[in-house]
Amino acid sequence: MFAVLQVLKSLKTSKGNLNPNELAKHRHFNCRKSEEEIAKALKGNERQDFLFGLKQEFESYQFYQKKIIACDKQIDKFLKKHIKLDPIKKNSKPKRNPTKESIKTHLK
């Protein structure tokens, strides 16, 4: 999933870099296909209407990710406020979700 996001970011930020070899470099290390196979699959699909739609969808994805992060922050504030009011919960340690944290670092 993260490799796909990197390709989409590359398409958006590099003013439409459509070089399949450059895009294939974003291949995830765990992917079974080689860079050459991925580059071959990406070759020749340069329809502007498809690229426009892809960019629109990626921007929508980024927009909703920002909204989700803002919502998470608001929930966190709410929970911290209510944990301070409850003496039992106040003394317990929160459990961290490492997956959520690693996803946030990849989306920045």
N, C-alpha and C. Protein backbone atom coordinates (compact mmCIF):
# COMPACT_ATOMS: atom_id res chain seq x y z
N MET A 1 0.82 -1.19 0.00
CA MET A 1 0.00 0.00 0.00
C MET A 1 0.86 1.26 0.00
N PHE A 2 1.92 1.25 0.81
CA PHE A 2 2.76 2.45 0.90
C PHE A 2 3.49 2.71 -0.41
N ALA A 3 3.84 1.66 -1.14
CA ALA A 3 4.51 1.84 -2.42
C ALA A 3 3.58 2.55 -3.41
N VAL A 4 2.31 2.20 -3.38
CA VAL A 4 1.34 2.86 -4.26
C VAL A 4 1.26 4.34 -3.92
N LEU A 5 1.24 4.67 -2.64
CA LEU A 5 1.20 6.07 -2.23
C LEU A 5 2.45 6.81 -2.71
N GLN A 6 3.60 6.15 -2.66
CA GLN A 6 4.83 6.79 -3.11
C GLN A 6 4.77 7.07 -4.62
N VAL A 7 4.23 6.14 -5.39
CA VAL A 7 4.09 6.35 -6.83
C VAL A 7 3.14 7.51 -7.10
N LEU A 8 2.04 7.55 -6.38
CA LEU A 8 1.09 8.65 -6.59
C LEU A 8 1.68 9.99 -6.19
N LYS A 9 2.43 10.02 -5.10
CA LYS A 9 3.11 11.26 -4.70
C LYS A 9 4.10 11.68 -5.77
N SER A 10 4.81 10.72 -6.33
CA SER A 10 5.78 11.02 -7.38
C SER A 10 5.08 11.59 -8.61
N LEU A 11 3.95 11.02 -8.97
CA LEU A 11 3.20 11.55 -10.11
C LEU A 11 2.74 12.98 -9.86
N LYS A 12 2.32 13.25 -8.65
CA LYS A 12 1.77 14.57 -8.34
C LYS A 12 2.88 15.61 -8.17
N THR A 13 3.93 15.27 -7.45
CA THR A 13 4.94 16.28 -7.11
C THR A 13 5.95 16.53 -8.21
N SER A 14 6.19 15.56 -9.06
CA SER A 14 7.21 15.76 -10.09
C SER A 14 6.60 16.21 -11.41
N LYS A 15 5.47 16.88 -11.33
CA LYS A 15 4.78 17.41 -12.50
C LYS A 15 4.53 16.34 -13.55
N GLY A 16 4.04 15.21 -13.08
CA GLY A 16 3.63 14.15 -13.99
C GLY A 16 4.76 13.29 -14.51
N ASN A 17 5.72 12.96 -13.68
CA ASN A 17 6.78 12.06 -14.10
C ASN A 17 6.17 10.72 -14.46
N LEU A 18 6.18 10.38 -15.73
CA LEU A 18 5.59 9.13 -16.19
C LEU A 18 6.63 8.09 -16.57
N ASN A 19 7.87 8.33 -16.23
CA ASN A 19 8.93 7.37 -16.55
C ASN A 19 8.69 6.10 -15.74
N PRO A 20 8.35 4.98 -16.41
CA PRO A 20 8.04 3.76 -15.68
C PRO A 20 9.20 3.25 -14.83
N ASN A 21 10.43 3.47 -15.29
CA ASN A 21 11.60 3.00 -14.52
C ASN A 21 11.75 3.78 -13.22
N GLU A 22 11.46 5.09 -13.27
CA GLU A 22 11.53 5.90 -12.05
C GLU A 22 10.41 5.52 -11.09
N LEU A 23 9.21 5.32 -11.62
CA LEU A 23 8.07 4.96 -10.77
C LEU A 23 8.27 3.57 -10.14
N ALA A 24 8.89 2.67 -10.88
CA ALA A 24 9.10 1.31 -10.37
C ALA A 24 10.09 1.28 -9.21
N LYS A 25 10.91 2.32 -9.08
CA LYS A 25 11.87 2.37 -7.97
C LYS A 25 11.17 2.48 -6.62
N HIS A 26 9.91 2.85 -6.63
CA HIS A 26 9.14 2.96 -5.38
C HIS A 26 8.59 1.61 -4.92
N ARG A 27 8.99 0.57 -5.62
CA ARG A 27 8.53 -0.79 -5.31
C ARG A 27 8.82 -1.13 -3.85
N HIS A 28 7.85 -1.72 -3.19
CA HIS A 28 8.02 -2.14 -1.80
C HIS A 28 8.99 -3.32 -1.76
N PHE A 29 9.85 -3.35 -0.76
CA PHE A 29 10.87 -4.40 -0.68
C PHE A 29 10.28 -5.80 -0.62
N ASN A 30 9.05 -5.90 -0.17
CA ASN A 30 8.42 -7.20 -0.01
C ASN A 30 7.63 -7.63 -1.25
N CYS A 31 7.64 -6.81 -2.28
CA CYS A 31 6.90 -7.10 -3.50
C CYS A 31 7.55 -8.25 -4.25
N ARG A 32 6.73 -9.15 -4.77
CA ARG A 32 7.26 -10.32 -5.49
C ARG A 32 7.74 -9.99 -6.89
N LYS A 33 7.22 -8.93 -7.45
CA LYS A 33 7.61 -8.54 -8.81
C LYS A 33 8.87 -7.69 -8.79
N SER A 34 9.69 -7.86 -9.80
CA SER A 34 10.93 -7.08 -9.89
C SER A 34 10.62 -5.67 -10.40
N GLU A 35 11.60 -4.79 -10.26
CA GLU A 35 11.43 -3.42 -10.77
C GLU A 35 11.17 -3.45 -12.27
N GLU A 36 11.85 -4.35 -12.98
CA GLU A 36 11.69 -4.45 -14.43
C GLU A 36 10.25 -4.84 -14.79
N GLU A 37 9.69 -5.80 -14.06
CA GLU A 37 8.33 -6.23 -14.33
C GLU A 37 7.33 -5.11 -14.06
N ILE A 38 7.56 -4.37 -12.98
CA ILE A 38 6.66 -3.27 -12.64
C ILE A 38 6.77 -2.17 -13.69
N ALA A 39 8.00 -1.85 -14.10
CA ALA A 39 8.20 -0.81 -15.12
C ALA A 39 7.49 -1.20 -16.42
N LYS A 40 7.58 -2.47 -16.78
CA LYS A 40 6.93 -2.95 -18.00
C LYS A 40 5.41 -2.79 -17.90
N ALA A 41 4.85 -3.07 -16.71
CA ALA A 41 3.41 -2.93 -16.50
C ALA A 41 2.97 -1.47 -16.54
N LEU A 42 3.84 -0.55 -16.15
CA LEU A 42 3.50 0.87 -16.12
C LEU A 42 3.70 1.56 -17.47
N LYS A 43 4.32 0.88 -18.40
CA LYS A 43 4.68 1.49 -19.68
C LYS A 43 3.45 1.76 -20.55
N GLY A 44 3.40 2.95 -21.11
CA GLY A 44 2.46 3.26 -22.16
C GLY A 44 1.06 3.69 -21.75
N ASN A 45 0.74 3.74 -20.49
CA ASN A 45 -0.60 4.18 -20.11
C ASN A 45 -0.53 5.64 -19.68
N GLU A 46 -0.51 6.52 -20.66
CA GLU A 46 -0.34 7.95 -20.37
C GLU A 46 -1.58 8.76 -20.76
N ARG A 47 -2.74 8.15 -20.68
CA ARG A 47 -3.96 8.88 -21.01
C ARG A 47 -4.19 9.98 -19.99
N GLN A 48 -4.31 11.19 -20.47
CA GLN A 48 -4.44 12.35 -19.59
C GLN A 48 -5.72 12.30 -18.76
N ASP A 49 -6.80 11.74 -19.30
CA ASP A 49 -8.02 11.66 -18.52
C ASP A 49 -7.86 10.70 -17.34
N PHE A 50 -7.13 9.60 -17.54
CA PHE A 50 -6.87 8.66 -16.45
C PHE A 50 -5.96 9.31 -15.39
N LEU A 51 -4.94 10.01 -15.86
CA LEU A 51 -4.01 10.66 -14.94
C LEU A 51 -4.71 11.76 -14.14
N PHE A 52 -5.59 12.51 -14.80
CA PHE A 52 -6.34 13.54 -14.10
C PHE A 52 -7.21 12.92 -13.01
N GLY A 53 -7.92 11.85 -13.33
CA GLY A 53 -8.76 11.16 -12.36
C GLY A 53 -7.94 10.59 -11.21
N LEU A 54 -6.79 10.04 -11.52
CA LEU A 54 -5.90 9.48 -10.50
C LEU A 54 -5.42 10.57 -9.54
N LYS A 55 -5.04 11.72 -10.09
CA LYS A 55 -4.60 12.84 -9.25
C LYS A 55 -5.73 13.35 -8.37
N GLN A 56 -6.94 13.42 -8.94
CA GLN A 56 -8.09 13.86 -8.16
C GLN A 56 -8.36 12.92 -7.00
N GLU A 57 -8.30 11.63 -7.26
CA GLU A 57 -8.54 10.64 -6.20
C GLU A 57 -7.46 10.69 -5.13
N PHE A 58 -6.22 10.90 -5.54
CA PHE A 58 -5.12 10.98 -4.58
C PHE A 58 -5.27 12.22 -3.69
N GLU A 59 -5.68 13.34 -4.29
CA GLU A 59 -5.90 14.54 -3.50
C GLU A 59 -7.05 14.35 -2.52
N SER A 60 -8.09 13.64 -2.94
CA SER A 60 -9.20 13.33 -2.03
C SER A 60 -8.72 12.46 -0.88
N TYR A 61 -7.89 11.47 -1.21
CA TYR A 61 -7.33 10.59 -0.18
C TYR A 61 -6.55 11.41 0.85
N GLN A 62 -5.69 12.32 0.35
CA GLN A 62 -4.90 13.15 1.26
C GLN A 62 -5.80 14.04 2.12
N PHE A 63 -6.84 14.60 1.52
CA PHE A 63 -7.78 15.45 2.24
C PHE A 63 -8.42 14.67 3.39
N TYR A 64 -8.90 13.48 3.10
CA TYR A 64 -9.56 12.68 4.14
C TYR A 64 -8.58 12.19 5.20
N GLN A 65 -7.35 11.95 4.82
CA GLN A 65 -6.34 11.57 5.81
C GLN A 65 -6.13 12.70 6.80
N LYS A 66 -6.09 13.94 6.31
CA LYS A 66 -5.95 15.10 7.20
C LYS A 66 -7.14 15.22 8.14
N LYS A 67 -8.33 14.97 7.61
CA LYS A 67 -9.54 15.03 8.44
C LYS A 67 -9.51 13.94 9.51
N ILE A 68 -9.05 12.75 9.16
CA ILE A 68 -8.96 11.65 10.12
C ILE A 68 -7.97 11.98 11.22
N ILE A 69 -6.83 12.57 10.85
CA ILE A 69 -5.82 12.95 11.85
C ILE A 69 -6.39 14.02 12.78
N ALA A 70 -7.11 15.00 12.23
CA ALA A 70 -7.72 16.04 13.07
C ALA A 70 -8.75 15.42 14.02
N CYS A 71 -9.51 14.47 13.52
CA CYS A 71 -10.50 13.78 14.36
C CYS A 71 -9.81 12.98 15.46
N ASP A 72 -8.73 12.29 15.12
CA ASP A 72 -7.97 11.53 16.12
C ASP A 72 -7.44 12.44 17.22
N LYS A 73 -6.97 13.63 16.83
CA LYS A 73 -6.46 14.58 17.83
C LYS A 73 -7.57 15.04 18.76
N GLN A 74 -8.74 15.30 18.18
CA GLN A 74 -9.87 15.73 19.00
C GLN A 74 -10.30 14.62 19.96
N ILE A 75 -10.34 13.40 19.49
CA ILE A 75 -10.69 12.26 20.35
C ILE A 75 -9.66 12.11 21.46
N ASP A 76 -8.39 12.27 21.09
CA ASP A 76 -7.30 12.16 22.08
C ASP A 76 -7.47 13.22 23.18
N LYS A 77 -7.76 14.47 22.78
CA LYS A 77 -7.99 15.54 23.77
C LYS A 77 -9.15 15.17 24.70
N PHE A 78 -10.24 14.71 24.09
CA PHE A 78 -11.42 14.36 24.86
C PHE A 78 -11.10 13.25 25.87
N LEU A 79 -10.41 12.23 25.41
CA LEU A 79 -10.09 11.11 26.30
C LEU A 79 -9.14 11.53 27.42
N LYS A 80 -8.14 12.33 27.08
CA LYS A 80 -7.21 12.80 28.12
C LYS A 80 -7.94 13.62 29.18
N LYS A 81 -8.86 14.45 28.73
CA LYS A 81 -9.62 15.27 29.67
C LYS A 81 -10.44 14.38 30.61
N HIS A 82 -11.08 13.38 30.07
CA HIS A 82 -11.93 12.52 30.89
C HIS A 82 -11.14 11.52 31.72
N ILE A 83 -9.97 11.17 31.26
CA ILE A 83 -9.12 10.28 32.06
C ILE A 83 -8.63 11.02 33.30
N LYS A 84 -8.34 12.31 33.15
CA LYS A 84 -7.90 13.10 34.31
C LYS A 84 -8.98 13.18 35.38
N LEU A 85 -10.23 13.11 34.97
CA LEU A 85 -11.33 13.20 35.92
C LEU A 85 -11.61 11.89 36.65
N ASP A 86 -11.16 10.78 36.08
CA ASP A 86 -11.41 9.46 36.68
C ASP A 86 -10.15 9.00 37.40
N PRO A 87 -10.17 8.87 38.73
CA PRO A 87 -8.96 8.53 39.49
C PRO A 87 -8.39 7.15 39.14
N ILE A 88 -9.24 6.21 38.77
CA ILE A 88 -8.74 4.86 38.42
C ILE A 88 -7.99 4.92 37.10
N LYS A 89 -8.57 5.57 36.12
CA LYS A 89 -7.95 5.66 34.80
C LYS A 89 -6.74 6.58 34.81
N LYS A 90 -6.72 7.52 35.70
CA LYS A 90 -5.63 8.50 35.78
C LYS A 90 -4.29 7.81 36.06
N ASN A 91 -4.30 6.75 36.86
CA ASN A 91 -3.07 6.08 37.25
C ASN A 91 -2.67 4.94 36.32
N SER A 92 -3.50 4.58 35.35
CA SER A 92 -3.14 3.49 34.44
C SER A 92 -2.34 4.04 33.25
N LYS A 93 -1.49 3.20 32.69
CA LYS A 93 -0.67 3.61 31.55
C LYS A 93 -1.38 3.27 30.25
N PRO A 94 -1.37 4.18 29.28
CA PRO A 94 -2.02 3.90 28.00
C PRO A 94 -1.21 2.90 27.18
N LYS A 95 -1.91 2.10 26.38
CA LYS A 95 -1.26 1.15 25.48
C LYS A 95 -1.12 1.84 24.13
N ARG A 96 0.05 1.75 23.55
CA ARG A 96 0.31 2.37 22.25
C ARG A 96 0.06 1.37 21.14
N ASN A 97 -0.42 1.85 20.03
CA ASN A 97 -0.65 1.03 18.86
C ASN A 97 0.47 1.32 17.86
N PRO A 98 1.51 0.45 17.78
CA PRO A 98 2.65 0.75 16.92
C PRO A 98 2.28 0.81 15.44
N THR A 99 1.27 0.08 15.02
CA THR A 99 0.88 0.09 13.61
C THR A 99 0.37 1.47 13.22
N LYS A 100 -0.46 2.05 14.05
CA LYS A 100 -1.02 3.37 13.77
C LYS A 100 0.10 4.40 13.66
N GLU A 101 1.08 4.33 14.55
CA GLU A 101 2.19 5.28 14.54
C GLU A 101 3.03 5.11 13.26
N SER A 102 3.29 3.86 12.86
CA SER A 102 4.12 3.66 11.66
C SER A 102 3.40 4.12 10.41
N ILE A 103 2.08 3.98 10.36
CA ILE A 103 1.32 4.44 9.21
C ILE A 103 1.40 5.95 9.11
N LYS A 104 1.29 6.65 10.23
CA LYS A 104 1.36 8.11 10.20
C LYS A 104 2.70 8.60 9.66
N THR A 105 3.79 7.91 9.98
CA THR A 105 5.10 8.36 9.50
C THR A 105 5.21 8.17 7.99
N HIS A 106 4.57 7.15 7.44
CA HIS A 106 4.63 6.92 5.99
C HIS A 106 3.77 7.91 5.23
N LEU A 107 2.75 8.44 5.87
CA LEU A 107 1.84 9.35 5.17
C LEU A 107 2.33 10.78 5.16
N LYS A 108 3.36 11.10 5.91
CA LYS A 108 3.85 12.48 5.95
C LYS A 108 4.66 12.82 4.73
